[in-house]
Protein backbone atom coordinates (compact mmCIF):
# COMPACT_ATOMS: atom_id res chain seq x y z
CA UNK A 1 6.35 -2.79 8.42
CA UNK A 2 8.21 -3.72 11.53
CA UNK A 3 6.93 -3.05 15.09
CA UNK A 4 9.69 -0.53 15.54
CA UNK A 5 8.83 1.25 12.35
CA UNK A 6 5.24 1.48 13.38
CA UNK A 7 6.08 2.89 16.77
CA UNK A 8 8.38 5.46 15.23
CA UNK A 9 5.40 6.76 13.32
CA UNK A 10 3.79 7.50 16.67
CA UNK A 11 0.88 5.15 16.24
CA UNK A 12 -1.12 5.31 19.39
CA UNK A 13 -2.47 1.69 19.25
CA UNK A 14 -0.72 -1.23 17.98
CA UNK A 15 -2.47 -4.61 17.65
CA UNK A 16 -0.53 -7.68 16.62
CA UNK A 17 -2.40 -10.62 14.90
CA UNK A 18 0.31 -13.13 15.61
CA UNK A 19 1.58 -14.00 12.19
CA UNK A 20 5.12 -13.85 10.88
CA UNK A 21 6.50 -12.19 7.79
CA UNK A 22 6.03 -14.39 4.65
CA UNK A 23 9.04 -13.07 2.73
CA UNK A 24 8.87 -12.20 -0.95
CA UNK A 25 6.60 -14.27 -3.28
CA UNK A 26 8.11 -17.56 -4.19
CA UNK A 27 10.55 -17.82 -1.18
CA UNK A 28 10.77 -20.64 1.34
CA UNK A 29 9.36 -18.26 4.01
CA UNK A 30 5.93 -18.42 2.16
CA UNK A 31 5.47 -21.97 3.50
CA UNK A 32 6.25 -21.43 7.18
CA UNK A 33 3.10 -22.55 9.09
CA UNK A 34 2.99 -19.31 11.00
CA UNK A 35 3.41 -17.06 7.96
CA UNK A 36 0.65 -14.71 7.19
CA UNK A 37 0.56 -16.18 3.66
CA UNK A 38 -0.67 -19.46 5.23
CA UNK A 39 -3.22 -17.86 7.51
CA UNK A 40 -6.77 -19.06 7.49
CA UNK A 41 -8.58 -16.13 5.95
CA UNK A 42 -11.75 -16.50 7.83
CA UNK A 43 -9.87 -16.55 11.20
CA UNK A 44 -7.77 -13.57 10.25
CA UNK A 45 -10.87 -11.66 9.01
CA UNK A 46 -12.58 -12.40 12.37
CA UNK A 47 -9.69 -11.00 14.34
CA UNK A 48 -9.79 -7.75 12.43
CA UNK A 49 -13.59 -7.60 12.53
CA UNK A 50 -13.27 -7.51 16.36
CA UNK A 51 -10.65 -4.69 16.11
CA UNK A 52 -12.90 -2.68 13.77
CA UNK A 53 -15.76 -2.95 16.27
CA UNK A 54 -13.61 -2.15 19.11
CA UNK A 55 -12.03 1.02 17.60
CA UNK A 56 -14.98 2.08 15.32
CA UNK A 57 -12.80 3.73 12.57
CA UNK A 58 -14.04 6.28 10.13
CA UNK A 59 -11.76 4.99 7.42
CA UNK A 60 -9.99 1.73 6.64
CA UNK A 61 -6.93 1.88 4.51
CA UNK A 62 -5.22 -1.17 2.82
CA UNK A 63 -3.38 -2.21 -0.14
CA UNK A 64 -4.97 -2.98 -3.59
CA UNK A 65 -5.56 -6.55 -4.90
CA UNK A 66 -1.90 -6.94 -5.92
CA UNK A 67 -0.54 -5.71 -2.65
CA UNK A 68 1.00 -2.78 -4.55
CA UNK A 69 3.97 -4.91 -5.84
CA UNK A 70 2.90 -8.46 -5.18
CA UNK A 71 4.16 -9.11 -1.64
CA UNK A 72 2.16 -12.05 -0.26
CA UNK A 73 1.59 -10.33 3.05
CA UNK A 74 0.37 -7.19 1.35
CA UNK A 75 -2.06 -9.31 -0.74
CA UNK A 76 -3.34 -11.06 2.33
CA UNK A 77 -3.64 -7.72 4.19
CA UNK A 78 -5.90 -6.60 1.33
CA UNK A 79 -8.12 -9.70 1.55
CA UNK A 80 -8.41 -9.41 5.31
CA UNK A 81 -9.04 -5.70 5.46
CA UNK A 82 -11.72 -5.72 2.82
CA UNK A 83 -13.37 -8.79 4.46
CA UNK A 84 -13.40 -7.08 7.78
CA UNK A 85 -14.76 -3.82 6.17
CA UNK A 86 -17.79 -5.74 5.06
CA UNK A 87 -18.27 -8.26 7.97
CA UNK A 88 -17.90 -5.82 10.79
CA UNK A 89 -21.39 -4.38 10.14
CA UNK A 90 -23.08 -7.82 10.00
CA UNK A 91 -25.36 -8.07 13.07
CA UNK A 92 -25.56 -11.89 12.64
CA UNK A 93 -21.71 -12.06 13.27
CA UNK A 94 -21.45 -12.17 17.07
CA UNK A 95 -18.11 -11.66 18.83
CA UNK A 96 -19.12 -9.69 21.95
CA UNK A 97 -18.88 -6.33 20.20
CA UNK A 98 -21.57 -4.13 18.60
CA UNK A 99 -21.59 -4.13 14.80
CA UNK A 100 -19.90 -1.11 13.23
CA UNK A 101 -20.09 0.29 9.63
CA UNK A 102 -16.91 1.92 8.55
CA UNK A 103 -17.94 4.77 6.21
CA UNK A 104 -15.02 4.52 3.77
CA UNK A 105 -12.51 2.01 2.36
CA UNK A 106 -9.38 3.35 0.64
CA UNK A 107 -6.50 1.62 -1.16
CA UNK A 108 -3.08 3.13 -0.92
CA UNK A 109 -2.04 4.17 -4.41
CA UNK A 110 0.53 5.91 -6.51
CA UNK A 111 -0.43 7.61 -9.70
CA UNK A 112 1.50 6.72 -12.88
CA UNK A 113 2.64 10.37 -13.40
CA UNK A 114 4.16 10.27 -9.88
CA UNK A 115 6.13 7.11 -10.77
CA UNK A 116 7.32 8.75 -13.95
CA UNK A 117 8.42 11.86 -12.05
CA UNK A 118 10.09 9.54 -9.43
CA UNK A 119 12.06 7.96 -12.31
CA UNK A 120 13.01 11.30 -13.74
CA UNK A 121 14.35 12.52 -10.42
CA UNK A 122 16.28 9.42 -9.86
CA UNK A 123 17.91 9.74 -13.27
CA UNK A 124 18.82 13.36 -12.54
CA UNK A 125 20.52 12.26 -9.33
CA UNK A 126 22.25 9.33 -11.07
CA UNK A 127 20.63 6.83 -8.73
CA UNK A 128 19.62 3.43 -9.95
CA UNK A 129 16.17 2.11 -8.83
CA UNK A 130 15.09 -1.52 -8.47
CA UNK A 131 16.60 -3.80 -11.02
CA UNK A 132 19.56 -1.45 -11.59
CA UNK A 133 17.57 1.14 -13.60
CA UNK A 134 15.63 4.22 -12.59
CA UNK A 135 12.22 3.63 -11.32
CA UNK A 136 9.47 4.78 -13.73
CA UNK A 137 11.59 3.79 -16.85
CA UNK A 138 8.94 1.92 -18.65
CA UNK A 139 11.47 0.06 -20.87
CA UNK A 140 13.39 -1.29 -17.80
CA UNK A 141 10.38 -1.86 -15.48
CA UNK A 142 8.72 -5.10 -14.38
CA UNK A 143 6.45 -7.08 -16.58
CA UNK A 144 3.31 -5.08 -17.39
CA UNK A 145 1.22 -8.23 -16.73
CA UNK A 146 2.00 -7.69 -13.11
CA UNK A 147 0.05 -4.39 -13.13
CA UNK A 148 -3.70 -3.90 -12.96
CA UNK A 149 -6.08 -4.18 -15.82
CA UNK A 150 -6.44 -0.41 -15.85
CA UNK A 151 -2.70 0.02 -16.03
CA UNK A 152 -2.47 -2.41 -18.92
CA UNK A 153 -5.25 -0.64 -20.75
CA UNK A 154 -3.53 2.72 -20.33
CA UNK A 155 -0.19 1.24 -21.72
CA UNK A 156 -2.02 -0.19 -24.81
CA UNK A 157 -3.75 3.17 -25.46
CA UNK A 158 -0.45 5.09 -25.12
CA UNK A 159 1.33 2.81 -27.57
CA UNK A 160 -1.56 3.13 -30.02
CA UNK A 161 -1.41 6.90 -29.91
CA UNK A 162 2.36 7.09 -29.99
CA UNK A 163 2.46 8.70 -26.51
CA UNK A 164 4.98 7.93 -23.67
CA UNK A 165 4.26 4.54 -22.32
CA UNK A 166 2.96 4.70 -18.66
CA UNK A 167 4.99 2.70 -16.14
CA UNK A 168 3.51 -0.75 -15.25
CA UNK A 169 3.43 0.15 -11.59
CA UNK A 170 0.97 2.67 -10.22
CA UNK A 171 -2.57 3.34 -11.40
CA UNK A 172 -3.99 5.97 -13.84
CA UNK A 173 -4.02 9.29 -12.35
CA UNK A 174 -7.68 9.79 -12.76
CA UNK A 175 -8.36 7.00 -10.34
CA UNK A 176 -6.60 8.88 -7.45
CA UNK A 177 -9.32 10.33 -5.30
CA UNK A 178 -7.41 11.69 -2.26
CA UNK A 179 -3.94 13.33 -1.74
CA UNK A 180 -2.77 13.95 1.72
CA UNK A 181 0.12 16.41 2.55
CA UNK A 182 2.41 14.41 4.99
CA UNK A 183 5.38 16.69 4.62
CA UNK A 184 5.36 17.44 8.31
CA UNK A 185 5.99 13.75 9.00
CA UNK A 186 8.36 12.88 6.18
CA UNK A 187 11.34 12.42 8.55
CA UNK A 188 9.32 9.83 10.52
CA UNK A 189 8.71 8.04 7.19
CA UNK A 190 12.47 8.00 6.51
CA UNK A 191 13.21 6.63 10.03
CA UNK A 192 10.54 3.99 9.57
CA UNK A 193 12.04 2.87 6.28
CA UNK A 194 15.51 2.48 7.96
CA UNK A 195 14.10 0.39 10.79
CA UNK A 196 12.80 -2.19 8.21
CA UNK A 197 16.17 -3.92 8.42
CA UNK A 198 15.38 -6.83 6.22
CA UNK A 199 14.69 -4.54 3.23
CA UNK A 200 16.92 -1.53 3.78
CA UNK A 201 20.68 -1.00 3.64
CA UNK A 202 23.25 1.52 2.24
CA UNK A 203 22.93 0.23 -1.27
CA UNK A 204 19.16 0.52 -1.50
CA UNK A 205 18.05 3.45 -3.60
CA UNK A 206 16.02 4.92 -0.83
CA UNK A 207 19.17 5.20 1.29
CA UNK A 208 21.01 7.10 -1.58
CA UNK A 209 18.43 9.95 -1.74
CA UNK A 210 19.70 13.26 -0.46
CA UNK A 211 17.27 14.42 2.37
CA UNK A 212 15.89 17.29 0.22
CA UNK A 213 15.10 14.82 -2.59
CA UNK A 214 13.42 12.33 -0.18
CA UNK A 215 11.32 15.14 1.28
CA UNK A 216 10.21 16.26 -2.16
CA UNK A 217 9.31 12.68 -3.35
CA UNK A 218 7.55 11.44 -0.28
CA UNK A 219 5.79 14.53 1.12
CA UNK A 220 2.46 13.42 -0.18
CA UNK A 221 0.46 10.19 0.09
CA UNK A 222 -2.12 9.22 -2.47
CA UNK A 223 -5.24 7.03 -2.07
CA UNK A 224 -8.07 5.66 -4.00
CA UNK A 225 -11.62 5.59 -2.54
CA UNK A 226 -12.97 2.27 -3.61
CA UNK A 227 -16.07 1.77 -1.34
CA UNK A 228 -18.34 4.01 0.56
CA UNK A 229 -21.13 2.90 2.93
CA UNK A 230 -24.64 3.76 1.65
CA UNK A 231 -25.84 7.04 3.04
CA UNK A 232 -22.33 8.07 4.18
CA UNK A 233 -21.53 10.60 1.53
CA UNK A 234 -20.01 13.61 3.27
CA UNK A 235 -20.05 12.00 6.63
CA UNK A 236 -16.36 11.99 6.75
CA UNK A 237 -14.32 14.25 4.54
CA UNK A 238 -11.15 12.58 3.64
């Protein structure tokens, strides 16, 4: 997300790591020497370890292993955040700050049922999603191989039972551990999307959503708790 988008979400502290956008996977921007995709992971993790020790968070939130949809910067963000989550507590790693153990690590997530509902609402509104078809339409969605193993397993099980095929994006609903009501901040989310100029414009399906539909679709955020520090159960309720 751009710096402007971050600031519009009223983030109180913004730390820049010094990398540039890598572009979508397979583009020439991937190879720029300053692209995050080209970053030395050890160096990037060390930078974030210092920030974790500085701010002492109760929770770290990042993308899953596939960066949600395969964006190279999202994938690297996952690698760096998970590495920092583990290494920040290591007393043998010295950087001038005291070690810090973050109680919980979450991945951002969207349940498959939410994707299916999203697709249904787009169809009702007559809006095409990515690829010219409504998001959540399993027959028109991306290659299922791009999804997680859990997603592929759900798809195979649904086909065997004759049930509706889950979309290849998202994760099985039962893996969602946390849902946060962000309806009070949904307008800030809309403004942040619009400030991401390289990926937004009047023809993008987000821009075609009526305000009331956008509010209904993006008023909740879902997360998956993937790691919890030993002895920290109940230490931070989120």
